[in-house]
PDB file of N, CA and C in Angstrom:
ATOM      1  N   MET A   1       0.824  -1.191   0.000  1.00  0.00           N
ATOM      2  CA  MET A   1       0.000   0.000   0.000  1.00  0.00           C
ATOM      3  C   MET A   1       0.871   1.260   0.000  1.00  0.00           C
ATOM      4  N   ASP A   2       2.037   1.196   0.654  1.00  0.00           N
ATOM      5  CA  ASP A   2       2.933   2.351   0.678  1.00  0.00           C
ATOM      6  C   ASP A   2       3.477   2.664  -0.710  1.00  0.00           C
ATOM      7  N   LEU A   3       3.773   1.621  -1.473  1.00  0.00           N
ATOM      8  CA  LEU A   3       4.279   1.821  -2.822  1.00  0.00           C
ATOM      9  C   LEU A   3       3.243   2.520  -3.696  1.00  0.00           C
ATOM     10  N   LEU A   4       1.992   2.150  -3.550  1.00  0.00           N
ATOM     11  CA  LEU A   4       0.922   2.777  -4.324  1.00  0.00           C
ATOM     12  C   LEU A   4       0.760   4.252  -3.950  1.00  0.00           C
ATOM     13  N   LYS A   5       0.864   4.570  -2.662  1.00  0.00           N
ATOM     14  CA  LYS A   5       0.761   5.958  -2.211  1.00  0.00           C
ATOM     15  C   LYS A   5       1.940   6.776  -2.731  1.00  0.00           C
ATOM     16  N   GLN A   6       3.132   6.191  -2.710  1.00  0.00           N
ATOM     17  CA  GLN A   6       4.303   6.890  -3.228  1.00  0.00           C
ATOM     18  C   GLN A   6       4.175   7.151  -4.717  1.00  0.00           C
ATOM     19  N   LEU A   7       3.636   6.188  -5.442  1.00  0.00           N
ATOM     20  CA  LEU A   7       3.425   6.351  -6.876  1.00  0.00           C
ATOM     21  C   LEU A   7       2.410   7.452  -7.156  1.00  0.00           C
ATOM     22  N   ALA A   8       1.338   7.483  -6.399  1.00  0.00           N
ATOM     23  CA  ALA A   8       0.326   8.528  -6.567  1.00  0.00           C
ATOM     24  C   ALA A   8       0.901   9.902  -6.252  1.00  0.00           C
ATOM     25  N   ASP A   9       1.704   9.997  -5.199  1.00  0.00           N
ATOM     26  CA  ASP A   9       2.337  11.269  -4.853  1.00  0.00           C
ATOM     27  C   ASP A   9       3.307  11.722  -5.939  1.00  0.00           C
ATOM     28  N   ALA A  10       4.024  10.779  -6.516  1.00  0.00           N
ATOM     29  CA  ALA A  10       4.955  11.111  -7.594  1.00  0.00           C
ATOM     30  C   ALA A  10       4.204  11.633  -8.822  1.00  0.00           C
ATOM     31  N   ILE A  11       3.078  11.043  -9.122  1.00  0.00           N
ATOM     32  CA  ILE A  11       2.285  11.500 -10.270  1.00  0.00           C
ATOM     33  C   ILE A  11       1.755  12.908 -10.034  1.00  0.00           C
ATOM     34  N   VAL A  12       1.323  13.191  -8.816  1.00  0.00           N
ATOM     35  CA  VAL A  12       0.826  14.531  -8.497  1.00  0.00           C
ATOM     36  C   VAL A  12       1.939  15.559  -8.637  1.00  0.00           C
ATOM     37  N   ILE A  13       3.116  15.230  -8.145  1.00  0.00           N
ATOM     38  CA  ILE A  13       4.252  16.152  -8.279  1.00  0.00           C
ATOM     39  C   ILE A  13       4.603  16.358  -9.741  1.00  0.00           C
ATOM     40  N   LEU A  14       4.565  15.288 -10.521  1.00  0.00           N
ATOM     41  CA  LEU A  14       4.852  15.380 -11.950  1.00  0.00           C
ATOM     42  C   LEU A  14       3.836  16.278 -12.655  1.00  0.00           C
ATOM     43  N   ILE A  15       2.571  16.181 -12.297  1.00  0.00           N
ATOM     44  CA  ILE A  15       1.539  17.036 -12.892  1.00  0.00           C
ATOM     45  C   ILE A  15       1.786  18.497 -12.539  1.00  0.00           C
ATOM     46  N   ARG A  16       2.106  18.766 -11.278  1.00  0.00           N
ATOM     47  CA  ARG A  16       2.344  20.144 -10.851  1.00  0.00           C
ATOM     48  C   ARG A  16       3.550  20.752 -11.553  1.00  0.00           C
ATOM     49  N   VAL A  17       4.643  20.014 -11.581  1.00  0.00           N
ATOM     50  CA  VAL A  17       5.864  20.527 -12.215  1.00  0.00           C
ATOM     51  C   VAL A  17       5.671  20.677 -13.718  1.00  0.00           C
ATOM     52  N   GLY A  18       5.015  19.704 -14.337  1.00  0.00           N
ATOM     53  CA  GLY A  18       4.774  19.771 -15.774  1.00  0.00           C
ATOM     54  C   GLY A  18       3.900  20.949 -16.164  1.00  0.00           C
ATOM     55  N   ALA A  19       2.867  21.203 -15.396  1.00  0.00           N
ATOM     56  CA  ALA A  19       1.985  22.336 -15.688  1.00  0.00           C
ATOM     57  C   ALA A  19       2.729  23.656 -15.505  1.00  0.00           C
ATOM     58  N   ALA A  20       3.552  23.742 -14.481  1.00  0.00           N
ATOM     59  CA  ALA A  20       4.319  24.970 -14.254  1.00  0.00           C
ATOM     60  C   ALA A  20       5.319  25.209 -15.379  1.00  0.00           C
ATOM     61  N   PHE A  21       6.032  24.165 -15.790  1.00  0.00           N
ATOM     62  CA  PHE A  21       6.990  24.318 -16.886  1.00  0.00           C
ATOM     63  C   PHE A  21       6.286  24.671 -18.196  1.00  0.00           C
ATOM     64  N   ARG A  22       5.137  24.073 -18.434  1.00  0.00           N
ATOM     65  CA  ARG A  22       4.394  24.373 -19.654  1.00  0.00           C
ATOM     66  C   ARG A  22       3.941  25.832 -19.664  1.00  0.00           C
ATOM     67  N   LEU A  23       3.502  26.331 -18.534  1.00  0.00           N
ATOM     68  CA  LEU A  23       3.069  27.723 -18.438  1.00  0.00           C
ATOM     69  C   LEU A  23       4.246  28.667 -18.678  1.00  0.00           C
ATOM     70  N   VAL A  24       5.375  28.382 -18.055  1.00  0.00           N
ATOM     71  CA  VAL A  24       6.557  29.226 -18.242  1.00  0.00           C
ATOM     72  C   VAL A  24       7.020  29.179 -19.697  1.00  0.00           C
ATOM     73  N   TYR A  25       7.015  27.999 -20.295  1.00  0.00           N
ATOM     74  CA  TYR A  25       7.414  27.857 -21.700  1.00  0.00           C
ATOM     75  C   TYR A  25       6.513  28.694 -22.603  1.00  0.00           C
ATOM     76  N   CYS A  26       5.212  28.616 -22.375  1.00  0.00           N
ATOM     77  CA  CYS A  26       4.281  29.377 -23.201  1.00  0.00           C
ATOM     78  C   CYS A  26       4.475  30.882 -23.024  1.00  0.00           C
ATOM     79  N   LEU A  27       4.731  31.312 -21.798  1.00  0.00           N
ATOM     80  CA  LEU A  27       4.947  32.737 -21.557  1.00  0.00           C
ATOM     81  C   LEU A  27       6.234  33.226 -22.220  1.00  0.00           C
ATOM     82  N   VAL A  28       7.281  32.419 -22.186  1.00  0.00           N
ATOM     83  CA  VAL A  28       8.536  32.798 -22.839  1.00  0.00           C
ATOM     84  C   VAL A  28       8.346  32.865 -24.346  1.00  0.00           C
ATOM     85  N   ARG A  29       7.699  31.860 -24.909  1.00  0.00           N
ATOM     86  CA  ARG A  29       7.470  31.855 -26.363  1.00  0.00           C
ATOM     87  C   ARG A  29       6.549  32.999 -26.791  1.00  0.00           C
ATOM     88  N   MET A  30       5.615  33.367 -25.922  1.00  0.00           N
ATOM     89  CA  MET A  30       4.714  34.467 -26.224  1.00  0.00           C
ATOM     90  C   MET A  30       5.504  35.772 -26.324  1.00  0.00           C
ATOM     91  N   GLY A  31       6.494  35.944 -25.457  1.00  0.00           N
ATOM     92  CA  GLY A  31       7.312  37.151 -25.489  1.00  0.00           C
ATOM     93  C   GLY A  31       8.287  37.177 -26.651  1.00  0.00           C
ATOM     94  N   MET A  32       8.679  36.012 -27.147  1.00  0.00           N
ATOM     95  CA  MET A  32       9.663  35.952 -28.218  1.00  0.00           C
ATOM     96  C   MET A  32       9.056  36.161 -29.596  1.00  0.00           C
ATOM     97  N   ASN A  33       7.828  35.741 -29.802  1.00  0.00           N
ATOM     98  CA  ASN A  33       7.232  35.788 -31.126  1.00  0.00           C
ATOM     99  C   ASN A  33       5.860  36.455 -31.051  1.00  0.00           C
ATOM    100  N   GLU A  34       5.784  37.658 -31.559  1.00  0.00           N
ATOM    101  CA  GLU A  34       4.530  38.419 -31.502  1.00  0.00           C
ATOM    102  C   GLU A  34       3.451  37.839 -32.429  1.00  0.00           C
ATOM    103  N   GLU A  35       3.857  37.218 -33.521  1.00  0.00           N
ATOM    104  CA  GLU A  35       2.887  36.697 -34.482  1.00  0.00           C
ATOM    105  C   GLU A  35       2.105  35.505 -33.921  1.00  0.00           C
ATOM    106  N   GLU A  36       2.766  34.685 -33.143  1.00  0.00           N
ATOM    107  CA  GLU A  36       2.130  33.496 -32.576  1.00  0.00           C
ATOM    108  C   GLU A  36       1.712  33.708 -31.123  1.00  0.00           C
ATOM    109  N   SER A  37       1.635  34.939 -30.705  1.00  0.00           N
ATOM    110  CA  SER A  37       1.325  35.260 -29.316  1.00  0.00           C
ATOM    111  C   SER A  37      -0.054  34.753 -28.898  1.00  0.00           C
ATOM    112  N   ALA A  38      -1.030  34.869 -29.779  1.00  0.00           N
ATOM    113  CA  ALA A  38      -2.390  34.431 -29.448  1.00  0.00           C
ATOM    114  C   ALA A  38      -2.449  32.921 -29.235  1.00  0.00           C
ATOM    115  N   MET A  39      -1.698  32.177 -30.050  1.00  0.00           N
ATOM    116  CA  MET A  39      -1.693  30.729 -29.922  1.00  0.00           C
ATOM    117  C   MET A  39      -1.078  30.304 -28.580  1.00  0.00           C
ATOM    118  N   TYR A  40       0.043  30.918 -28.208  1.00  0.00           N
ATOM    119  CA  TYR A  40       0.685  30.552 -26.945  1.00  0.00           C
ATOM    120  C   TYR A  40      -0.109  31.051 -25.742  1.00  0.00           C
ATOM    121  N   LYS A  41      -0.830  32.134 -25.918  1.00  0.00           N
ATOM    122  CA  LYS A  41      -1.703  32.613 -24.845  1.00  0.00           C
ATOM    123  C   LYS A  41      -2.812  31.602 -24.584  1.00  0.00           C
ATOM    124  N   ARG A  42      -3.383  31.068 -25.642  1.00  0.00           N
ATOM    125  CA  ARG A  42      -4.425  30.040 -25.507  1.00  0.00           C
ATOM    126  C   ARG A  42      -3.857  28.773 -24.892  1.00  0.00           C
ATOM    127  N   ARG A  43      -2.663  28.383 -25.288  1.00  0.00           N
ATOM    128  CA  ARG A  43      -2.024  27.196 -24.717  1.00  0.00           C
ATOM    129  C   ARG A  43      -1.713  27.389 -23.239  1.00  0.00           C
ATOM    130  N   ALA A  44      -1.296  28.586 -22.857  1.00  0.00           N
ATOM    131  CA  ALA A  44      -1.030  28.864 -21.444  1.00  0.00           C
ATOM    132  C   ALA A  44      -2.319  28.790 -20.637  1.00  0.00           C
ATOM    133  N   LYS A  45      -3.395  29.317 -21.203  1.00  0.00           N
ATOM    134  CA  LYS A  45      -4.689  29.257 -20.514  1.00  0.00           C
ATOM    135  C   LYS A  45      -5.136  27.813 -20.365  1.00  0.00           C
ATOM    136  N   ASN A  46      -4.944  27.006 -21.379  1.00  0.00           N
ATOM    137  CA  ASN A  46      -5.316  25.596 -21.313  1.00  0.00           C
ATOM    138  C   ASN A  46      -4.471  24.854 -20.274  1.00  0.00           C
ATOM    139  N   SER A  47      -3.217  25.227 -20.123  1.00  0.00           N
ATOM    140  CA  SER A  47      -2.366  24.607 -19.102  1.00  0.00           C
ATOM    141  C   SER A  47      -2.879  24.922 -17.701  1.00  0.00           C
ATOM    142  N   VAL A  48      -3.310  26.154 -17.488  1.00  0.00           N
ATOM    143  CA  VAL A  48      -3.846  26.534 -16.182  1.00  0.00           C
ATOM    144  C   VAL A  48      -5.152  25.792 -15.912  1.00  0.00           C
ATOM    145  N   VAL A  49      -6.005  25.683 -16.914  1.00  0.00           N
ATOM    146  CA  VAL A  49      -7.267  24.955 -16.755  1.00  0.00           C
ATOM    147  C   VAL A  49      -6.997  23.483 -16.450  1.00  0.00           C
ATOM    148  N   PHE A  50      -6.044  22.879 -17.149  1.00  0.00           N
ATOM    149  CA  PHE A  50      -5.673  21.490 -16.878  1.00  0.00           C
ATOM    150  C   PHE A  50      -5.213  21.319 -15.439  1.00  0.00           C
ATOM    151  N   TYR A  51      -4.381  22.238 -14.958  1.00  0.00           N
ATOM    152  CA  TYR A  51      -3.869  22.146 -13.594  1.00  0.00           C
ATOM    153  C   TYR A  51      -5.004  22.250 -12.577  1.00  0.00           C
ATOM    154  N   ILE A  52      -5.921  23.167 -12.795  1.00  0.00           N
ATOM    155  CA  ILE A  52      -7.047  23.332 -11.871  1.00  0.00           C
ATOM    156  C   ILE A  52      -7.914  22.076 -11.848  1.00  0.00           C
ATOM    157  N   ILE A  53      -8.198  21.509 -13.005  1.00  0.00           N
ATOM    158  CA  ILE A  53      -9.017  20.292 -13.068  1.00  0.00           C
ATOM    159  C   ILE A  53      -8.291  19.121 -12.407  1.00  0.00           C
ATOM    160  N   ALA A  54      -6.990  18.982 -12.669  1.00  0.00           N
ATOM    161  CA  ALA A  54      -6.222  17.878 -12.081  1.00  0.00           C
ATOM    162  C   ALA A  54      -6.180  17.991 -10.557  1.00  0.00           C
ATOM    163  N   GLU A  55      -5.971  19.174 -10.029  1.00  0.00           N
ATOM    164  CA  GLU A  55      -5.948  19.358  -8.581  1.00  0.00           C
ATOM    165  C   GLU A  55      -7.329  19.129  -7.980  1.00  0.00           C
ATOM    166  N   SER A  56      -8.365  19.549  -8.673  1.00  0.00           N
ATOM    167  CA  SER A  56      -9.727  19.343  -8.167  1.00  0.00           C
ATOM    168  C   SER A  56     -10.061  17.860  -8.079  1.00  0.00           C
ATOM    169  N   ILE A  57      -9.687  17.123  -9.089  1.00  0.00           N
ATOM    170  CA  ILE A  57      -9.937  15.680  -9.080  1.00  0.00           C
ATOM    171  C   ILE A  57      -9.154  15.028  -7.940  1.00  0.00           C
ATOM    172  N   TRP A  58      -7.902  15.427  -7.755  1.00  0.00           N
ATOM    173  CA  TRP A  58      -7.081  14.857  -6.696  1.00  0.00           C
ATOM    174  C   TRP A  58      -7.686  15.148  -5.327  1.00  0.00           C
ATOM    175  N   GLN A  59      -8.121  16.379  -5.100  1.00  0.00           N
ATOM    176  CA  GLN A  59      -8.698  16.742  -3.812  1.00  0.00           C
ATOM    177  C   GLN A  59     -10.040  16.040  -3.581  1.00  0.00           C
ATOM    178  N   LEU A  60     -10.813  15.881  -4.617  1.00  0.00           N
ATOM    179  CA  LEU A  60     -12.081  15.162  -4.505  1.00  0.00           C
ATOM    180  C   LEU A  60     -11.836  13.710  -4.116  1.00  0.00           C
ATOM    181  N   LYS A  61     -10.823  13.098  -4.699  1.00  0.00           N
ATOM    182  CA  LYS A  61     -10.457  11.723  -4.334  1.00  0.00           C
ATOM    183  C   LYS A  61     -10.064  11.637  -2.866  1.00  0.00           C
ATOM    184  N   GLU A  62      -9.275  12.590  -2.405  1.00  0.00           N
ATOM    185  CA  GLU A  62      -8.857  12.603  -1.000  1.00  0.00           C
ATOM    186  C   GLU A  62     -10.051  12.781  -0.060  1.00  0.00           C
ATOM    187  N   ILE A  63     -11.000  13.620  -0.416  1.00  0.00           N
ATOM    188  CA  ILE A  63     -12.190  13.831   0.403  1.00  0.00           C
ATOM    189  C   ILE A  63     -13.013  12.559   0.479  1.00  0.00           C
ATOM    190  N   ILE A  64     -13.203  11.903  -0.654  1.00  0.00           N
ATOM    191  CA  ILE A  64     -13.995  10.663  -0.678  1.00  0.00           C
ATOM    192  C   ILE A  64     -13.301   9.581   0.134  1.00  0.00           C
ATOM    193  N   LEU A  65     -11.996   9.436  -0.015  1.00  0.00           N
ATOM    194  CA  LEU A  65     -11.276   8.411   0.750  1.00  0.00           C
ATOM    195  C   LEU A  65     -11.304   8.689   2.241  1.00  0.00           C
ATOM    196  N   SER A  66     -11.171   9.932   2.629  1.00  0.00           N
ATOM    197  CA  SER A  66     -11.204  10.243   4.065  1.00  0.00           C
ATOM    198  C   SER A  66     -12.598  10.058   4.647  1.00  0.00           C
ATOM    199  N   TYR A  67     -13.629  10.234   3.838  1.00  0.00           N
ATOM    200  CA  TYR A  67     -14.992  10.053   4.303  1.00  0.00           C
ATOM    201  C   TYR A  67     -15.285   8.580   4.618  1.00  0.00           C
ATOM    202  N   TYR A  68     -14.797   7.695   3.775  1.00  0.00           N
ATOM    203  CA  TYR A  68     -15.096   6.272   3.954  1.00  0.00           C
ATOM    204  C   TYR A  68     -14.095   5.534   4.834  1.00  0.00           C
ATOM    205  N   GLN A  69     -13.078   6.195   5.329  1.00  0.00           N
ATOM    206  CA  GLN A  69     -12.108   5.506   6.192  1.00  0.00           C
ATOM    207  C   GLN A  69     -12.374   5.760   7.630  1.00  0.00           C
TER     208      GLN A  69
END
């Protein structure tokens, strides 16, 4: 059971770091190229939405598990 919890924690950290790097990448590319700025702005917004949904799902899982334990 500990291995499964460690794996889940690693996935959560990977999601957080990946979303942060994706946001920073999009912001840097947005500043470098004015022509494609709208595309990278949309991609940055989608990265933030993905992060919010992923964290919400994770917290909902934790609430459900704590309720039934």
